[in-house]
């Protein structure tokens, strides 16, 4: 079964799914991945704070996870 993420997942939980997601978040401009509050923010909330549309980010992460099998 492939891993998938959605916009309601907490940043901390995303990183537990696959630490490689950190690089995706960082390249998208979310450089606060390591700050304590980010672990308790959903991907949607973090995207909103950074002025981003969350859907392309979710798609990018899920595409990455699909390549990992």
PDB file of N, CA and C in Angstrom:
ATOM      1  N   UNK A   1       0.843  -1.179   0.000  1.00  0.00           N
ATOM      2  CA  UNK A   1       0.000   0.000   0.000  1.00  0.00           C
ATOM      3  C   UNK A   1       0.890   1.244   0.000  1.00  0.00           C
ATOM      4  N   UNK A   2       0.638   2.153  -0.920  1.00  0.00           N
ATOM      5  CA  UNK A   2       1.421   3.370  -1.014  1.00  0.00           C
ATOM      6  C   UNK A   2       1.066   4.327   0.108  1.00  0.00           C
ATOM      7  N   UNK A   3       2.070   5.051   0.581  1.00  0.00           N
ATOM      8  CA  UNK A   3       1.842   6.101   1.563  1.00  0.00           C
ATOM      9  C   UNK A   3       1.297   7.317   0.837  1.00  0.00           C
ATOM     10  N   UNK A   4       0.381   8.022   1.473  1.00  0.00           N
ATOM     11  CA  UNK A   4      -0.157   9.266   0.928  1.00  0.00           C
ATOM     12  C   UNK A   4      -0.347  10.228   2.072  1.00  0.00           C
ATOM     13  N   UNK A   5      -0.256  11.494   1.744  1.00  0.00           N
ATOM     14  CA  UNK A   5      -0.493  12.521   2.739  1.00  0.00           C
ATOM     15  C   UNK A   5      -1.655  13.386   2.280  1.00  0.00           C
ATOM     16  N   UNK A   6      -2.204  14.150   3.223  1.00  0.00           N
ATOM     17  CA  UNK A   6      -3.229  15.122   2.869  1.00  0.00           C
ATOM     18  C   UNK A   6      -2.964  16.412   3.622  1.00  0.00           C
ATOM     19  N   UNK A   7      -3.677  17.451   3.256  1.00  0.00           N
ATOM     20  CA  UNK A   7      -3.405  18.792   3.777  1.00  0.00           C
ATOM     21  C   UNK A   7      -3.707  18.956   5.261  1.00  0.00           C
ATOM     22  N   UNK A   8      -4.447  18.026   5.839  1.00  0.00           N
ATOM     23  CA  UNK A   8      -4.786  18.144   7.258  1.00  0.00           C
ATOM     24  C   UNK A   8      -3.731  17.546   8.177  1.00  0.00           C
ATOM     25  N   UNK A   9      -2.761  16.858   7.601  1.00  0.00           N
ATOM     26  CA  UNK A   9      -1.728  16.213   8.415  1.00  0.00           C
ATOM     27  C   UNK A   9      -0.792  17.246   9.016  1.00  0.00           C
ATOM     28  N   UNK A  10      -0.343  16.974  10.240  1.00  0.00           N
ATOM     29  CA  UNK A  10       0.604  17.846  10.913  1.00  0.00           C
ATOM     30  C   UNK A  10       1.984  17.707  10.276  1.00  0.00           C
ATOM     31  N   UNK A  11       2.731  18.806  10.260  1.00  0.00           N
ATOM     32  CA  UNK A  11       4.080  18.775   9.694  1.00  0.00           C
ATOM     33  C   UNK A  11       4.912  17.683  10.381  1.00  0.00           C
ATOM     34  N   UNK A  12       4.798  17.576  11.699  1.00  0.00           N
ATOM     35  CA  UNK A  12       5.527  16.543  12.431  1.00  0.00           C
ATOM     36  C   UNK A  12       5.176  15.139  11.955  1.00  0.00           C
ATOM     37  N   UNK A  13       3.902  14.909  11.651  1.00  0.00           N
ATOM     38  CA  UNK A  13       3.477  13.597  11.164  1.00  0.00           C
ATOM     39  C   UNK A  13       3.981  13.338   9.749  1.00  0.00           C
ATOM     40  N   UNK A  14       4.027  14.389   8.929  1.00  0.00           N
ATOM     41  CA  UNK A  14       4.543  14.235   7.559  1.00  0.00           C
ATOM     42  C   UNK A  14       5.988  13.762   7.588  1.00  0.00           C
ATOM     43  N   UNK A  15       6.760  14.355   8.483  1.00  0.00           N
ATOM     44  CA  UNK A  15       8.176  14.005   8.588  1.00  0.00           C
ATOM     45  C   UNK A  15       8.343  12.566   9.071  1.00  0.00           C
ATOM     46  N   UNK A  16       7.419  12.113   9.912  1.00  0.00           N
ATOM     47  CA  UNK A  16       7.464  10.713  10.348  1.00  0.00           C
ATOM     48  C   UNK A  16       7.123   9.755   9.213  1.00  0.00           C
ATOM     49  N   UNK A  17       6.256  10.181   8.298  1.00  0.00           N
ATOM     50  CA  UNK A  17       5.919   9.341   7.139  1.00  0.00           C
ATOM     51  C   UNK A  17       7.181   9.087   6.329  1.00  0.00           C
ATOM     52  N   UNK A  18       7.955  10.160   6.085  1.00  0.00           N
ATOM     53  CA  UNK A  18       9.204  10.036   5.332  1.00  0.00           C
ATOM     54  C   UNK A  18      10.024  11.302   5.560  1.00  0.00           C
ATOM     55  N   UNK A  19      11.191  11.179   6.168  1.00  0.00           N
ATOM     56  CA  UNK A  19      12.023  12.359   6.412  1.00  0.00           C
ATOM     57  C   UNK A  19      12.429  13.100   5.144  1.00  0.00           C
ATOM     58  N   UNK A  20      12.359  12.449   4.002  1.00  0.00           N
ATOM     59  CA  UNK A  20      12.670  13.090   2.724  1.00  0.00           C
ATOM     60  C   UNK A  20      11.710  14.218   2.393  1.00  0.00           C
ATOM     61  N   UNK A  21      10.572  14.253   3.056  1.00  0.00           N
ATOM     62  CA  UNK A  21       9.590  15.315   2.839  1.00  0.00           C
ATOM     63  C   UNK A  21      10.151  16.660   3.288  1.00  0.00           C
ATOM     64  N   UNK A  22      11.096  16.645   4.220  1.00  0.00           N
ATOM     65  CA  UNK A  22      11.714  17.891   4.690  1.00  0.00           C
ATOM     66  C   UNK A  22      12.307  18.664   3.515  1.00  0.00           C
ATOM     67  N   UNK A  23      13.019  17.980   2.644  1.00  0.00           N
ATOM     68  CA  UNK A  23      13.648  18.644   1.493  1.00  0.00           C
ATOM     69  C   UNK A  23      12.601  19.281   0.586  1.00  0.00           C
ATOM     70  N   UNK A  24      11.458  18.628   0.425  1.00  0.00           N
ATOM     71  CA  UNK A  24      10.387  19.176  -0.408  1.00  0.00           C
ATOM     72  C   UNK A  24       9.828  20.441   0.228  1.00  0.00           C
ATOM     73  N   UNK A  25       9.582  20.392   1.528  1.00  0.00           N
ATOM     74  CA  UNK A  25       9.057  21.560   2.221  1.00  0.00           C
ATOM     75  C   UNK A  25      10.054  22.713   2.176  1.00  0.00           C
ATOM     76  N   UNK A  26      11.316  22.410   2.386  1.00  0.00           N
ATOM     77  CA  UNK A  26      12.351  23.450   2.350  1.00  0.00           C
ATOM     78  C   UNK A  26      12.449  24.077   0.961  1.00  0.00           C
ATOM     79  N   UNK A  27      12.409  23.256  -0.075  1.00  0.00           N
ATOM     80  CA  UNK A  27      12.516  23.797  -1.433  1.00  0.00           C
ATOM     81  C   UNK A  27      11.287  24.617  -1.813  1.00  0.00           C
ATOM     82  N   UNK A  28      10.178  24.377  -1.138  1.00  0.00           N
ATOM     83  CA  UNK A  28       8.959  25.153  -1.393  1.00  0.00           C
ATOM     84  C   UNK A  28       8.966  26.466  -0.607  1.00  0.00           C
ATOM     85  N   UNK A  29       9.991  26.681   0.227  1.00  0.00           N
ATOM     86  CA  UNK A  29      10.086  27.917   0.978  1.00  0.00           C
ATOM     87  C   UNK A  29       9.684  27.811   2.435  1.00  0.00           C
ATOM     88  N   UNK A  30       9.393  26.608   2.887  1.00  0.00           N
ATOM     89  CA  UNK A  30       9.032  26.401   4.285  1.00  0.00           C
ATOM     90  C   UNK A  30      10.287  26.060   5.081  1.00  0.00           C
ATOM     91  N   UNK A  31      11.058  27.096   5.395  1.00  0.00           N
ATOM     92  CA  UNK A  31      12.329  26.892   6.078  1.00  0.00           C
ATOM     93  C   UNK A  31      12.174  26.746   7.580  1.00  0.00           C
ATOM     94  N   UNK A  32      10.953  26.808   8.066  1.00  0.00           N
ATOM     95  CA  UNK A  32      10.722  26.699   9.510  1.00  0.00           C
ATOM     96  C   UNK A  32      10.356  25.269   9.911  1.00  0.00           C
ATOM     97  N   UNK A  33      10.698  24.304   9.091  1.00  0.00           N
ATOM     98  CA  UNK A  33      10.357  22.904   9.369  1.00  0.00           C
ATOM     99  C   UNK A  33      10.873  22.465  10.732  1.00  0.00           C
ATOM    100  N   UNK A  34      12.012  22.981  11.133  1.00  0.00           N
ATOM    101  CA  UNK A  34      12.603  22.567  12.402  1.00  0.00           C
ATOM    102  C   UNK A  34      12.101  23.315  13.620  1.00  0.00           C
ATOM    103  N   UNK A  35      11.316  24.369  13.433  1.00  0.00           N
ATOM    104  CA  UNK A  35      10.873  25.113  14.612  1.00  0.00           C
ATOM    105  C   UNK A  35       9.789  24.330  15.353  1.00  0.00           C
ATOM    106  N   UNK A  36       9.768  24.445  16.668  1.00  0.00           N
ATOM    107  CA  UNK A  36       8.852  23.628  17.482  1.00  0.00           C
ATOM    108  C   UNK A  36       7.377  23.746  17.101  1.00  0.00           C
ATOM    109  N   UNK A  37       6.917  24.930  16.758  1.00  0.00           N
ATOM    110  CA  UNK A  37       5.488  25.081  16.453  1.00  0.00           C
ATOM    111  C   UNK A  37       5.100  24.401  15.147  1.00  0.00           C
ATOM    112  N   UNK A  38       6.054  24.218  14.240  1.00  0.00           N
ATOM    113  CA  UNK A  38       5.706  23.604  12.954  1.00  0.00           C
ATOM    114  C   UNK A  38       5.257  22.152  13.123  1.00  0.00           C
ATOM    115  N   UNK A  39       5.738  21.490  14.159  1.00  0.00           N
ATOM    116  CA  UNK A  39       5.348  20.098  14.396  1.00  0.00           C
ATOM    117  C   UNK A  39       3.864  19.990  14.740  1.00  0.00           C
ATOM    118  N   UNK A  40       3.265  21.097  15.184  1.00  0.00           N
ATOM    119  CA  UNK A  40       1.863  21.069  15.590  1.00  0.00           C
ATOM    120  C   UNK A  40       0.962  21.812  14.604  1.00  0.00           C
ATOM    121  N   UNK A  41       1.517  22.194  13.440  1.00  0.00           N
ATOM    122  CA  UNK A  41       0.760  22.879  12.394  1.00  0.00           C
ATOM    123  C   UNK A  41       0.424  21.886  11.305  1.00  0.00           C
ATOM    124  N   UNK A  42      -0.761  22.024  10.743  1.00  0.00           N
ATOM    125  CA  UNK A  42      -1.092  21.176   9.594  1.00  0.00           C
ATOM    126  C   UNK A  42      -0.382  21.721   8.364  1.00  0.00           C
ATOM    127  N   UNK A  43      -0.270  20.903   7.356  1.00  0.00           N
ATOM    128  CA  UNK A  43       0.333  21.340   6.100  1.00  0.00           C
ATOM    129  C   UNK A  43      -0.462  22.505   5.524  1.00  0.00           C
ATOM    130  N   UNK A  44      -1.773  22.436   5.637  1.00  0.00           N
ATOM    131  CA  UNK A  44      -2.629  23.507   5.131  1.00  0.00           C
ATOM    132  C   UNK A  44      -2.366  24.822   5.874  1.00  0.00           C
ATOM    133  N   UNK A  45      -2.242  24.750   7.196  1.00  0.00           N
ATOM    134  CA  UNK A  45      -1.968  25.955   7.996  1.00  0.00           C
ATOM    135  C   UNK A  45      -0.603  26.546   7.643  1.00  0.00           C
ATOM    136  N   UNK A  46       0.396  25.690   7.513  1.00  0.00           N
ATOM    137  CA  UNK A  46       1.742  26.158   7.181  1.00  0.00           C
ATOM    138  C   UNK A  46       1.760  26.810   5.805  1.00  0.00           C
ATOM    139  N   UNK A  47       1.051  26.215   4.853  1.00  0.00           N
ATOM    140  CA  UNK A  47       0.989  26.790   3.506  1.00  0.00           C
ATOM    141  C   UNK A  47       0.314  28.158   3.549  1.00  0.00           C
ATOM    142  N   UNK A  48      -0.742  28.264   4.328  1.00  0.00           N
ATOM    143  CA  UNK A  48      -1.453  29.534   4.442  1.00  0.00           C
ATOM    144  C   UNK A  48      -0.532  30.615   5.016  1.00  0.00           C
ATOM    145  N   UNK A  49       0.222  30.287   6.059  1.00  0.00           N
ATOM    146  CA  UNK A  49       1.142  31.234   6.680  1.00  0.00           C
ATOM    147  C   UNK A  49       2.188  31.710   5.672  1.00  0.00           C
ATOM    148  N   UNK A  50       2.595  30.810   4.771  1.00  0.00           N
ATOM    149  CA  UNK A  50       3.614  31.143   3.779  1.00  0.00           C
ATOM    150  C   UNK A  50       3.017  31.669   2.473  1.00  0.00           C
ATOM    151  N   UNK A  51       1.692  31.860   2.440  1.00  0.00           N
ATOM    152  CA  UNK A  51       1.048  32.404   1.243  1.00  0.00           C
ATOM    153  C   UNK A  51       1.077  31.464   0.052  1.00  0.00           C
ATOM    154  N   UNK A  52       0.992  30.167   0.323  1.00  0.00           N
ATOM    155  CA  UNK A  52       1.058  29.153  -0.738  1.00  0.00           C
ATOM    156  C   UNK A  52      -0.266  28.438  -0.901  1.00  0.00           C
ATOM    157  N   UNK A  53      -0.485  27.920  -2.093  1.00  0.00           N
ATOM    158  CA  UNK A  53      -1.607  27.036  -2.351  1.00  0.00           C
ATOM    159  C   UNK A  53      -1.166  25.641  -1.912  1.00  0.00           C
ATOM    160  N   UNK A  54      -1.906  25.034  -1.013  1.00  0.00           N
ATOM    161  CA  UNK A  54      -1.486  23.755  -0.427  1.00  0.00           C
ATOM    162  C   UNK A  54      -1.601  22.581  -1.404  1.00  0.00           C
ATOM    163  N   UNK A  55      -2.545  22.642  -2.337  1.00  0.00           N
ATOM    164  CA  UNK A  55      -2.781  21.480  -3.212  1.00  0.00           C
ATOM    165  C   UNK A  55      -1.560  21.085  -4.048  1.00  0.00           C
ATOM    166  N   UNK A  56      -0.859  22.034  -4.695  1.00  0.00           N
ATOM    167  CA  UNK A  56       0.346  21.614  -5.433  1.00  0.00           C
ATOM    168  C   UNK A  56       1.406  20.990  -4.524  1.00  0.00           C
ATOM    169  N   UNK A  57       1.490  21.467  -3.298  1.00  0.00           N
ATOM    170  CA  UNK A  57       2.455  20.913  -2.349  1.00  0.00           C
ATOM    171  C   UNK A  57       2.079  19.482  -1.964  1.00  0.00           C
ATOM    172  N   UNK A  58       0.805  19.248  -1.699  1.00  0.00           N
ATOM    173  CA  UNK A  58       0.322  17.892  -1.397  1.00  0.00           C
ATOM    174  C   UNK A  58       0.628  16.969  -2.572  1.00  0.00           C
ATOM    175  N   UNK A  59       0.346  17.451  -3.786  1.00  0.00           N
ATOM    176  CA  UNK A  59       0.606  16.634  -4.978  1.00  0.00           C
ATOM    177  C   UNK A  59       2.081  16.316  -5.131  1.00  0.00           C
ATOM    178  N   UNK A  60       2.946  17.305  -4.867  1.00  0.00           N
ATOM    179  CA  UNK A  60       4.383  17.099  -4.977  1.00  0.00           C
ATOM    180  C   UNK A  60       4.864  16.052  -3.968  1.00  0.00           C
ATOM    181  N   UNK A  61       4.369  16.140  -2.750  1.00  0.00           N
ATOM    182  CA  UNK A  61       4.769  15.183  -1.711  1.00  0.00           C
ATOM    183  C   UNK A  61       4.271  13.788  -2.065  1.00  0.00           C
ATOM    184  N   UNK A  62       3.016  13.676  -2.502  1.00  0.00           N
ATOM    185  CA  UNK A  62       2.482  12.361  -2.850  1.00  0.00           C
ATOM    186  C   UNK A  62       3.177  11.764  -4.068  1.00  0.00           C
ATOM    187  N   UNK A  63       3.585  12.606  -5.004  1.00  0.00           N
ATOM    188  CA  UNK A  63       4.337  12.117  -6.159  1.00  0.00           C
ATOM    189  C   UNK A  63       5.686  11.565  -5.693  1.00  0.00           C
ATOM    190  N   UNK A  64       6.329  12.274  -4.789  1.00  0.00           N
ATOM    191  CA  UNK A  64       7.595  11.810  -4.213  1.00  0.00           C
ATOM    192  C   UNK A  64       7.408  10.453  -3.519  1.00  0.00           C
ATOM    193  N   UNK A  65       6.357  10.352  -2.699  1.00  0.00           N
ATOM    194  CA  UNK A  65       6.100   9.106  -1.963  1.00  0.00           C
ATOM    195  C   UNK A  65       5.792   7.950  -2.907  1.00  0.00           C
ATOM    196  N   UNK A  66       5.108   8.241  -4.014  1.00  0.00           N
ATOM    197  CA  UNK A  66       4.765   7.192  -4.981  1.00  0.00           C
ATOM    198  C   UNK A  66       6.017   6.624  -5.634  1.00  0.00           C
ATOM    199  N   UNK A  67       7.038   7.454  -5.805  1.00  0.00           N
ATOM    200  CA  UNK A  67       8.278   6.959  -6.439  1.00  0.00           C
ATOM    201  C   UNK A  67       9.083   6.083  -5.487  1.00  0.00           C
ATOM    202  N   UNK A  68       8.801   6.209  -4.184  1.00  0.00           N
ATOM    203  CA  UNK A  68       9.509   5.397  -3.197  1.00  0.00           C
ATOM    204  C   UNK A  68       8.901   4.018  -3.030  1.00  0.00           C
ATOM    205  N   UNK A  69       7.699   3.864  -3.583  1.00  0.00           N
ATOM    206  CA  UNK A  69       7.028   2.568  -3.566  1.00  0.00           C
ATOM    207  C   UNK A  69       6.567   2.172  -2.253  1.00  0.00           C
TER     208      UNK A  69
END
